[in-house]
Structures are given as structure tokens and as C-alpha cells.
Amino acid sequence: MTETAGHDVALRVLVYSNDATTRGRVMSALGTRPHPDLPRLDYVEVATAPVVVEHMDAGGIDLAILDGEAAPTGGLGLAKQLRDELDRCPPLLVLIGRADDRWLADWSRADASVPHPIDPLRLRDTVNALLAPA
């Protein structure tokens, strides 16, 4: 969590997709405060895998949402790479092409998955579970 303006705390959520529409749908579905018990969300929009790696290496990301259908680098392979390479990896949520692709999300070692097309309620519930205080 990032401290801002004294008492106001925000969670930084990285949203990766080469498709701006997909990024927009994710952010629209979640809004700035998907649950009253969570701090507000600040988004880091990313369209390329190298920039995802830069942000993740720098730290300060509380959740990464990775589009498994992104091209040329899909979010599933990127999730696996992040798990393998980062000592401290935040929770990873992958957007998968269809529910039957859940095994690919398991392979990627993502913490959760949500299928396309994005169901705002399902996405919100999944993100709330990943960000809930322990």
C-alpha cells in the first residue's frame, strides 16, 4: 500500500493488455473503490510486457491484472515469468480466453483468473478477495 496525503492510502493496481478497450473494461468494472473495506485503487495502465517487467521490478504494485489474450506477449507467460523472477511478487490475476483455460492459469502460477468476456461482478469479487487484509 502506498501512503499519500497523510492518511489516505491507495493500492496500486497494474493493468496489462495491448488492447486499450480491455484495460478500460477492467478499470471501469472495478472503479476506484471496489469494496468499502479496501483503500481506493490507483491504476498503472501498461500496453507492453517490457514495461510490465519494469514496473514490477521497481515494486510498489499491490496487484497485477494480466490479459492472457494480449499480443505479442500473453499475460499467462508473463505471470509465470514474474513468479519465477521476482523475489516478492504481488498477487497476480490473469484474464483468460475462456473458463476451460483455467489449467493455463494454474500453470502460470497466477493467484486467480477471470474469463473473457469480463463479468464486472466476478472481477470485482475476485479482486476484493485478493486484496482483502489477511
Protein backbone atom coordinates (compact mmCIF):
# COMPACT_ATOMS: atom_id res chain seq x y z
CA MET A 1 0.00 0.00 0.00
CA THR A 2 1.18 3.48 -0.78
CA GLU A 3 0.84 6.31 1.72
CA THR A 4 -0.42 9.55 0.19
CA ALA A 5 -1.59 12.85 1.66
CA GLY A 6 -1.06 11.76 5.24
CA HIS A 7 -3.92 9.38 5.98
CA ASP A 8 -5.19 8.49 2.52
CA VAL A 9 -3.89 5.08 1.46
CA ALA A 10 -4.12 3.74 -2.10
CA LEU A 11 -3.49 0.34 -3.62
CA ARG A 12 -1.60 0.36 -6.92
CA VAL A 13 -3.08 -2.00 -9.50
CA LEU A 14 -1.18 -2.71 -12.71
CA VAL A 15 -3.49 -3.50 -15.64
CA TYR A 16 -1.74 -5.07 -18.64
CA SER A 17 -3.23 -5.57 -22.09
CA ASN A 18 -2.19 -4.46 -25.56
CA ASP A 19 -5.89 -3.64 -26.04
CA ALA A 20 -6.89 -0.29 -24.53
CA THR A 21 -10.53 -1.42 -24.55
CA THR A 22 -9.71 -4.39 -22.31
CA ARG A 23 -7.76 -2.17 -19.91
CA GLY A 24 -10.69 0.24 -19.83
CA ARG A 25 -13.20 -2.54 -19.12
CA VAL A 26 -11.11 -3.78 -16.20
CA MET A 27 -10.78 -0.33 -14.66
CA SER A 28 -14.43 0.51 -15.28
CA ALA A 29 -15.58 -2.76 -13.69
CA LEU A 30 -13.50 -2.16 -10.58
CA GLY A 31 -13.85 1.59 -10.22
CA THR A 32 -11.75 3.42 -7.67
CA ARG A 33 -13.09 1.60 -4.61
CA PRO A 34 -14.44 -1.90 -5.35
CA HIS A 35 -15.17 -2.59 -1.67
CA PRO A 36 -15.81 -0.22 1.24
CA ASP A 37 -13.26 -2.04 3.42
CA LEU A 38 -10.47 -1.52 0.89
CA PRO A 39 -8.49 1.62 0.14
CA ARG A 40 -9.02 3.30 -3.20
CA LEU A 41 -7.31 1.88 -6.27
CA ASP A 42 -4.78 3.76 -8.36
CA TYR A 43 -4.19 2.21 -11.77
CA VAL A 44 -1.00 1.78 -13.74
CA GLU A 45 -2.01 1.06 -17.34
CA VAL A 46 0.54 -0.90 -19.35
CA ALA A 47 0.40 -1.98 -23.00
CA THR A 48 3.71 -3.89 -23.37
CA ALA A 49 5.42 -6.71 -21.49
CA PRO A 50 8.79 -4.94 -21.03
CA VAL A 51 7.04 -2.06 -19.25
CA VAL A 52 5.19 -4.55 -17.01
CA VAL A 53 8.54 -6.04 -16.00
CA GLU A 54 9.96 -2.54 -15.33
CA HIS A 55 7.07 -1.64 -13.02
CA MET A 56 7.13 -4.98 -11.25
CA ASP A 57 10.92 -4.80 -10.74
CA ALA A 58 10.56 -1.31 -9.28
CA GLY A 59 7.99 -2.54 -6.73
CA GLY A 60 5.05 -0.68 -5.26
CA ILE A 61 2.43 -2.72 -7.14
CA ASP A 62 -0.21 -4.32 -4.90
CA LEU A 63 -1.96 -6.38 -7.62
CA ALA A 64 -1.25 -7.12 -11.28
CA ILE A 65 -4.07 -7.94 -13.70
CA LEU A 66 -2.62 -9.51 -16.84
CA ASP A 67 -4.53 -10.17 -20.07
CA GLY A 68 -3.88 -13.73 -21.20
CA GLU A 69 -5.06 -12.77 -24.68
CA ALA A 70 -2.57 -9.90 -25.07
CA ALA A 71 -0.19 -9.95 -28.04
CA PRO A 72 2.61 -10.41 -28.73
CA THR A 73 3.27 -11.37 -25.08
CA GLY A 74 0.35 -13.02 -23.32
CA GLY A 75 -0.40 -12.46 -19.68
CA LEU A 76 -0.13 -16.16 -18.82
CA GLY A 77 3.51 -16.45 -19.84
CA LEU A 78 4.19 -13.08 -18.27
CA ALA A 79 2.64 -14.24 -14.98
CA LYS A 80 4.89 -17.31 -14.98
CA GLN A 81 7.95 -15.16 -15.72
CA LEU A 82 7.10 -12.76 -12.88
CA ARG A 83 6.60 -15.63 -10.41
CA ASP A 84 9.90 -17.19 -11.45
CA GLU A 85 11.95 -13.99 -11.43
CA LEU A 86 10.63 -11.77 -8.63
CA ASP A 87 11.56 -12.39 -5.02
CA ARG A 88 8.48 -10.52 -3.82
CA CYS A 89 5.65 -10.85 -6.30
CA PRO A 90 2.26 -9.27 -5.58
CA PRO A 91 -0.92 -11.22 -6.29
CA LEU A 92 -1.45 -11.93 -9.98
CA LEU A 93 -4.83 -12.17 -11.68
CA VAL A 94 -4.97 -13.36 -15.29
CA LEU A 95 -7.76 -12.77 -17.76
CA ILE A 96 -8.22 -15.99 -19.70
CA GLY A 97 -9.85 -16.60 -23.08
CA ARG A 98 -12.46 -18.98 -21.67
CA ALA A 99 -13.25 -20.74 -18.40
CA ASP A 100 -11.78 -24.01 -19.73
CA ASP A 101 -8.36 -22.31 -19.86
CA ARG A 102 -8.17 -22.36 -16.07
CA TRP A 103 -5.42 -25.02 -16.31
CA LEU A 104 -3.25 -22.47 -18.12
CA ALA A 105 -3.79 -20.01 -15.28
CA ASP A 106 -2.72 -22.75 -12.85
CA TRP A 107 0.40 -23.39 -14.95
CA SER A 108 1.23 -19.67 -14.89
CA ARG A 109 1.08 -19.73 -11.07
CA ALA A 110 -1.42 -16.86 -11.06
CA ASP A 111 -3.37 -16.39 -7.85
CA ALA A 112 -6.69 -16.17 -9.68
CA SER A 113 -8.27 -15.98 -13.11
CA VAL A 114 -11.35 -14.45 -14.68
CA PRO A 115 -12.52 -15.42 -18.20
CA HIS A 116 -13.26 -13.09 -21.09
CA PRO A 117 -15.71 -11.50 -21.63
CA ILE A 118 -15.16 -9.66 -18.37
CA ASP A 119 -18.02 -10.06 -15.90
CA PRO A 120 -17.73 -6.94 -13.70
CA LEU A 121 -19.19 -8.65 -10.61
CA ARG A 122 -16.93 -11.67 -10.90
CA LEU A 123 -13.88 -9.48 -11.48
CA ARG A 124 -14.74 -7.27 -8.51
CA ASP A 125 -15.29 -10.27 -6.20
CA THR A 126 -12.00 -11.84 -7.29
CA VAL A 127 -10.03 -8.61 -6.82
CA ASN A 128 -11.64 -8.00 -3.42
CA ALA A 129 -10.60 -11.49 -2.30
CA LEU A 130 -7.02 -10.96 -3.49
CA LEU A 131 -6.70 -7.56 -1.82
CA ALA A 132 -8.55 -8.33 1.42
CA PRO A 133 -6.43 -7.76 4.52
CA ALA A 134 -5.05 -11.01 5.92
